[in-house]
Protein backbone atom coordinates (compact mmCIF):
# COMPACT_ATOMS: atom_id res chain seq x y z
CA MET A 1 0.03 -0.02 0.01
CA THR A 2 1.18 3.55 -0.70
CA ASP A 3 -0.04 6.65 0.98
CA TYR A 4 1.93 9.76 0.29
CA GLY A 5 -0.02 11.75 2.94
CA HIS A 6 -1.24 14.48 0.53
CA GLU A 7 -4.15 16.64 1.50
CA ILE A 8 -7.29 15.44 -0.22
CA VAL A 9 -8.40 17.72 -3.02
CA VAL A 10 -11.62 17.19 -4.96
CA GLY A 11 -12.48 18.84 -8.20
CA ALA A 12 -14.67 18.61 -11.38
CA PHE A 13 -13.93 17.79 -14.95
CA ILE A 14 -16.30 19.81 -17.11
CA THR A 15 -16.99 19.55 -20.90
CA PRO A 16 -16.14 22.94 -22.61
CA SER A 17 -19.15 22.65 -24.96
CA ASN A 18 -19.98 25.79 -26.93
CA ALA A 19 -23.59 24.77 -27.51
CA ASP A 20 -24.38 26.95 -24.54
CA PRO A 21 -21.37 29.09 -24.15
CA GLN A 22 -22.29 30.10 -20.56
CA GLY A 23 -22.96 26.61 -19.54
CA PRO A 24 -19.39 25.58 -18.51
CA VAL A 25 -19.05 28.85 -16.75
CA ARG A 26 -22.21 28.28 -14.67
CA LEU A 27 -20.89 24.80 -13.82
CA ALA A 28 -17.64 26.30 -12.66
CA ARG A 29 -19.45 28.64 -10.36
CA THR A 30 -21.66 25.85 -9.07
CA ALA A 31 -18.52 23.78 -8.29
CA GLU A 32 -17.13 26.74 -6.34
CA SER A 33 -20.35 27.35 -4.39
CA ALA A 34 -20.50 23.55 -3.59
CA GLY A 35 -17.13 23.82 -1.94
CA LEU A 36 -14.96 22.01 -4.51
CA ASP A 37 -11.32 22.87 -4.76
CA LEU A 38 -10.70 22.63 -8.47
CA VAL A 39 -12.40 22.90 -11.82
CA THR A 40 -10.83 21.68 -15.00
CA PHE A 41 -11.67 21.57 -18.69
CA GLN A 42 -10.52 19.24 -21.29
CA ASP A 43 -8.47 20.89 -24.11
CA HIS A 44 -8.99 19.89 -27.72
CA PRO A 45 -8.30 22.96 -29.82
CA TYR A 46 -9.16 21.09 -33.02
CA GLN A 47 -12.73 20.34 -31.82
CA PRO A 48 -15.18 22.98 -33.23
CA ARG A 49 -17.88 21.94 -30.75
CA PHE A 50 -15.73 23.11 -27.84
CA LEU A 51 -14.84 26.59 -26.54
CA ASP A 52 -11.13 27.29 -26.50
CA THR A 53 -10.03 26.07 -23.10
CA TRP A 54 -7.52 28.72 -22.21
CA THR A 55 -10.12 31.40 -23.09
CA LEU A 56 -12.68 29.57 -20.94
CA ILE A 57 -10.35 29.26 -18.01
CA SER A 58 -9.60 33.00 -18.15
CA TYR A 59 -13.29 33.91 -18.38
CA ALA A 60 -14.09 31.51 -15.52
CA ALA A 61 -11.33 32.94 -13.29
CA ALA A 62 -12.94 36.26 -13.69
CA VAL A 63 -16.26 35.26 -12.31
CA THR A 64 -15.03 33.02 -9.48
CA GLU A 65 -13.23 33.89 -6.27
CA ARG A 66 -11.72 30.85 -4.58
CA ILE A 67 -11.69 27.76 -6.79
CA HIS A 68 -8.49 26.74 -8.68
CA LEU A 69 -8.67 26.20 -12.51
CA ALA A 70 -6.70 24.11 -14.98
CA GLY A 71 -6.86 22.55 -18.41
CA ASN A 72 -7.11 18.78 -18.26
CA VAL A 73 -4.74 18.51 -19.93
CA LEU A 74 -3.55 21.38 -22.08
CA ASN A 75 -2.55 20.26 -25.65
CA LEU A 76 1.12 21.09 -25.77
CA PRO A 77 1.60 20.50 -29.42
CA LEU A 78 -0.67 23.40 -30.18
CA ARG A 79 0.45 25.72 -27.35
CA GLN A 80 3.82 27.39 -27.57
CA PRO A 81 5.48 26.76 -24.27
CA ALA A 82 7.13 30.27 -23.68
CA VAL A 83 3.80 32.05 -24.55
CA LEU A 84 1.91 29.43 -22.45
CA ALA A 85 4.22 30.21 -19.49
CA ARG A 86 3.55 33.87 -19.69
CA SER A 87 -0.16 33.24 -20.07
CA VAL A 88 -0.28 31.06 -16.97
CA ALA A 89 1.74 33.46 -14.90
CA SER A 90 -0.37 36.31 -15.95
CA LEU A 91 -3.64 34.69 -15.22
CA ASP A 92 -2.30 33.37 -11.90
CA LEU A 93 -1.41 36.95 -11.01
CA LEU A 94 -4.86 38.25 -12.10
CA SER A 95 -6.78 35.50 -10.23
CA SER A 96 -4.73 35.70 -6.98
CA GLY A 97 -3.01 32.44 -7.45
CA ARG A 98 -5.66 30.10 -8.65
CA VAL A 99 -4.21 28.66 -11.77
CA ASP A 100 -2.60 25.12 -12.02
CA LEU A 101 -0.95 23.77 -15.13
CA ALA A 102 -1.76 20.28 -16.42
CA LEU A 103 0.12 19.29 -19.59
CA GLY A 104 -0.45 16.62 -22.22
CA ALA A 105 2.11 15.57 -24.87
CA GLY A 106 -0.65 15.11 -27.50
CA GLY A 107 -2.42 12.10 -28.90
CA PHE A 108 -4.90 12.77 -31.72
CA TRP A 109 -2.13 13.47 -34.28
CA ASP A 110 -4.24 13.78 -37.44
CA ALA A 111 -6.35 16.54 -35.71
CA ILE A 112 -3.19 18.18 -34.32
CA ALA A 113 -1.49 18.23 -37.65
CA ALA A 114 -4.65 19.58 -39.39
CA MET A 115 -4.34 22.58 -36.99
CA GLY A 116 -0.76 23.19 -37.86
CA GLY A 117 0.92 21.20 -35.03
CA ALA A 118 3.88 18.88 -35.59
CA ARG A 119 3.14 15.12 -35.81
CA LEU A 120 5.44 13.50 -33.27
CA THR A 121 6.38 9.96 -32.43
CA PRO A 122 5.80 8.71 -28.93
CA GLY A 123 9.56 9.23 -28.12
CA GLU A 124 9.55 12.67 -29.74
CA SER A 125 6.52 13.74 -27.68
CA VAL A 126 8.39 12.90 -24.50
CA THR A 127 11.32 14.88 -25.53
CA ALA A 128 9.12 17.87 -26.54
CA LEU A 129 7.30 17.88 -23.24
CA SER A 130 10.55 17.68 -21.40
CA GLU A 131 11.85 20.72 -23.28
CA ALA A 132 8.52 22.58 -22.75
CA ILE A 133 8.68 22.07 -18.95
CA GLU A 134 12.30 23.41 -18.97
CA ILE A 135 11.10 26.54 -20.87
CA VAL A 136 8.01 27.12 -18.66
CA ARG A 137 9.95 26.97 -15.41
CA GLY A 138 12.68 29.14 -16.99
CA ILE A 139 10.14 31.86 -17.98
CA TRP A 140 8.65 31.81 -14.39
CA ASP A 141 12.17 32.22 -12.81
CA ALA A 142 11.96 35.94 -12.95
CA GLY A 143 14.60 36.37 -10.24
CA GLU A 144 17.19 35.01 -12.70
CA ARG A 145 18.88 37.88 -14.52
CA THR A 146 20.36 36.02 -17.55
CA PRO A 147 18.06 35.52 -20.62
CA LEU A 148 16.62 32.14 -21.08
CA ARG A 149 18.25 29.92 -23.68
CA VAL A 150 16.99 26.42 -24.47
CA GLU A 151 18.21 24.72 -27.63
CA GLY A 152 15.88 21.70 -27.90
CA GLU A 153 14.91 19.47 -30.72
CA HIS A 154 11.32 20.63 -30.73
CA HIS A 155 11.21 23.76 -28.65
CA ARG A 156 13.72 26.59 -28.64
CA VAL A 157 14.17 30.03 -26.92
CA ALA A 158 17.03 32.16 -27.90
CA GLY A 159 17.60 34.71 -25.12
CA ALA A 160 14.07 35.22 -24.02
CA LYS A 161 13.46 37.66 -21.18
CA ARG A 162 12.14 35.93 -18.04
CA GLY A 163 8.99 36.75 -16.08
CA PRO A 164 6.50 37.47 -14.84
CA ALA A 165 6.64 35.07 -11.90
CA PRO A 166 3.20 33.65 -11.03
CA ALA A 167 1.45 34.64 -7.87
CA HIS A 168 1.86 31.17 -6.35
CA ASP A 169 4.20 28.18 -6.93
CA VAL A 170 2.13 26.80 -9.87
CA PRO A 171 2.41 23.02 -10.04
CA ILE A 172 2.97 21.19 -13.20
CA TRP A 173 0.95 18.05 -13.59
CA VAL A 174 1.36 15.61 -16.58
CA GLY A 175 -1.17 13.33 -18.10
CA ALA A 176 0.67 10.11 -18.69
CA THR A 177 0.38 6.35 -18.75
CA LYS A 178 3.39 4.89 -20.54
CA PRO A 179 6.75 4.24 -18.80
CA ARG A 180 8.73 6.95 -20.58
CA MET A 181 6.33 9.64 -19.73
CA LEU A 182 6.00 8.35 -16.12
CA ARG A 183 9.79 8.67 -15.77
CA LEU A 184 9.54 12.32 -17.13
CA VAL A 185 6.95 12.90 -14.43
CA ALA A 186 9.39 11.62 -11.81
CA ARG A 187 12.19 13.85 -13.08
CA GLN A 188 10.45 17.11 -13.89
CA ALA A 189 6.80 17.28 -12.80
CA ASP A 190 4.89 18.10 -9.62
CA GLY A 191 2.09 15.63 -10.29
CA TRP A 192 0.75 12.71 -12.22
CA LEU A 193 -2.70 13.00 -13.76
CA PRO A 194 -3.96 9.88 -15.49
CA SER A 195 -7.59 9.02 -16.26
CA TYR A 196 -8.91 5.98 -14.42
CA GLY A 197 -10.71 4.69 -17.55
CA TYR A 198 -7.40 4.49 -19.47
CA LEU A 199 -5.48 2.51 -16.86
CA GLN A 200 -5.28 -1.15 -16.74
CA ASP A 201 -6.17 -3.04 -13.58
CA ASP A 202 -2.72 -2.56 -11.98
CA GLY A 203 -2.18 0.80 -13.75
CA LEU A 204 -2.07 2.88 -10.61
CA ALA A 205 0.35 0.55 -8.64
CA ARG A 206 2.52 0.14 -11.81
CA GLY A 207 2.70 3.83 -12.45
CA ASN A 208 3.40 4.71 -8.85
CA THR A 209 6.28 2.15 -8.88
CA ILE A 210 7.92 3.65 -12.04
CA ILE A 211 7.53 7.24 -10.65
CA ASP A 212 8.79 6.33 -7.19
CA GLU A 213 11.83 4.40 -8.39
CA THR A 214 12.74 7.04 -10.92
CA ALA A 215 12.27 9.83 -8.42
CA GLU A 216 14.60 8.14 -5.88
CA GLU A 217 17.15 7.80 -8.62
CA VAL A 218 17.31 11.44 -9.33
CA GLY A 219 17.27 12.41 -5.69
CA ARG A 220 13.61 13.33 -5.16
CA HIS A 221 11.27 11.96 -2.51
CA PRO A 222 8.30 10.19 -4.10
CA ALA A 223 5.90 12.24 -2.01
CA GLU A 224 7.05 15.48 -3.83
CA ILE A 225 4.92 14.18 -6.77
CA ARG A 226 1.19 14.63 -6.20
CA ARG A 227 -0.94 11.77 -7.51
CA LEU A 228 -4.16 12.98 -9.16
CA LEU A 229 -6.84 10.86 -10.91
CA ASN A 230 -9.62 11.65 -13.34
CA VAL A 231 -12.60 9.49 -12.46
CA GLY A 232 -16.26 9.20 -13.64
CA GLY A 233 -19.28 7.73 -12.15
CA GLU A 234 -22.85 8.35 -10.94
CA VAL A 235 -24.46 8.62 -7.47
CA THR A 236 -27.34 6.15 -7.40
CA ALA A 237 -29.55 4.56 -4.71
CA ASP A 238 -28.16 1.11 -5.20
CA ARG A 239 -24.57 -0.23 -5.77
CA ARG A 240 -24.02 -0.97 -9.50
CA GLY A 241 -20.27 -1.09 -9.79
CA PHE A 242 -17.29 1.19 -9.16
CA LEU A 243 -18.28 4.71 -8.40
CA GLN A 244 -21.83 3.66 -9.36
CA GLY A 245 -23.77 3.84 -6.10
CA PRO A 246 -24.71 5.86 -3.06
CA VAL A 247 -22.58 8.54 -1.41
CA ASP A 248 -21.12 6.19 1.21
CA GLN A 249 -19.88 3.81 -1.55
CA TRP A 250 -18.22 6.79 -3.29
CA VAL A 251 -16.54 7.73 -0.01
CA GLU A 252 -15.32 4.25 0.66
CA GLU A 253 -14.00 3.62 -2.83
CA LEU A 254 -12.23 7.04 -3.20
CA ALA A 255 -10.62 6.64 0.31
CA GLY A 256 -9.43 3.19 -0.78
CA LEU A 257 -7.66 4.87 -3.72
CA ALA A 258 -6.22 7.45 -1.44
CA LEU A 259 -4.95 5.06 1.24
CA THR A 260 -3.90 2.26 -1.11
CA HIS A 261 -2.47 4.17 -4.21
CA GLY A 262 -1.72 7.53 -2.74
CA VAL A 263 -4.26 9.47 -4.81
CA GLY A 264 -4.50 12.93 -3.28
CA THR A 265 -6.57 14.71 -5.96
CA PHE A 266 -9.83 13.39 -7.49
CA VAL A 267 -11.20 15.10 -10.55
CA VAL A 268 -14.71 13.84 -11.23
CA ALA A 269 -16.12 14.15 -14.77
CA THR A 270 -19.56 15.54 -14.75
CA ASP A 271 -21.79 18.17 -16.35
CA ASP A 272 -24.59 17.70 -13.89
CA PRO A 273 -24.98 20.65 -11.47
CA ARG A 274 -26.67 18.51 -8.95
CA MET A 275 -23.70 15.98 -9.05
CA LEU A 276 -21.36 18.91 -8.42
CA GLU A 277 -23.36 19.80 -5.33
CA VAL A 278 -23.37 16.28 -3.91
CA LEU A 279 -19.69 15.93 -4.65
CA GLY A 280 -18.79 19.14 -2.87
CA GLU A 281 -21.21 19.14 -0.05
CA GLU A 282 -21.52 15.45 0.79
CA ILE A 283 -18.79 13.31 -0.68
CA ALA A 284 -15.73 15.57 -0.36
CA PRO A 285 -16.27 16.33 3.32
CA ALA A 286 -16.91 12.66 4.24
CA LEU A 287 -13.87 11.55 2.19
CA ARG A 288 -11.50 13.88 3.93
CA GLU A 289 -12.92 12.79 7.32
CA LEU A 290 -12.50 9.10 6.54
CA VAL A 291 -8.98 9.44 5.11
CA ALA A 292 -7.89 11.58 8.15
CA ARG A 293 -9.45 9.05 10.50
CA GLU A 294 -7.74 6.05 8.84
CA ARG A 295 -4.41 7.88 8.78
CA THR A 296 -4.66 8.63 12.42
CA THR A 297 -5.56 5.11 13.51
CA GLY A 298 -3.23 3.42 11.05
CA THR A 299 -5.94 0.72 10.28
CA ALA A 300 -5.88 1.37 6.51
């Protein structure tokens, strides 16, 4: 069993549909009023039925006060890293430190190429993401006086001025499932953000092992890397399956993931305002209470 002792964070994964442009914004405000910690939006810039995710995050930040916001995950092949770094820092300053950065290396390559992005092999996408993280952190390092220079294979900056620094220490989370990307998470990222539906039965345990072993090899403590998880489900009167049942079942199953696999952040996919309310007002408080109790008694 692996429990990294992270504070439990509960958030929402909302579809950025443009059918009703204000719909995702209303859901973000509902998530905040329900007490959730985080609201995220998927990022598919090639999808004409979706609002642009960065524009949506910026708009939502202006009409909320407390909740953190992030793409889930931002499509790096279509977002130039130096500009993205300044965008994140700027919005973090404007929102009083409420922006988090989740990155994806890309996946739908035909659609990405159609939008002008480079078509990368799996190995190239890992290298490109590594270079991008170096650039993002370099731009944020406003205290460093020397210009930023990164001569990468896929991303380059040639003497870029640094800054601004974000309002808070913005975490960089990476969506990943394959070993090479998991090792990158261990070396360079602040969090691992997979989707439960894309993991095999032992996916969490296997991913944690790769991250932990690599982290120790490079001199990092495994607990430095937050474990996040996108999940889906439905609150129902009877038990129908994993995260398909009453509130107490949700609490038990999420607590099991926290205490057994070290998941500290749960991001629940839903566009149902009532589900957001149940998640924030009932599930999240009970989940925190159960995890705290199990950690204290050591019975987990």
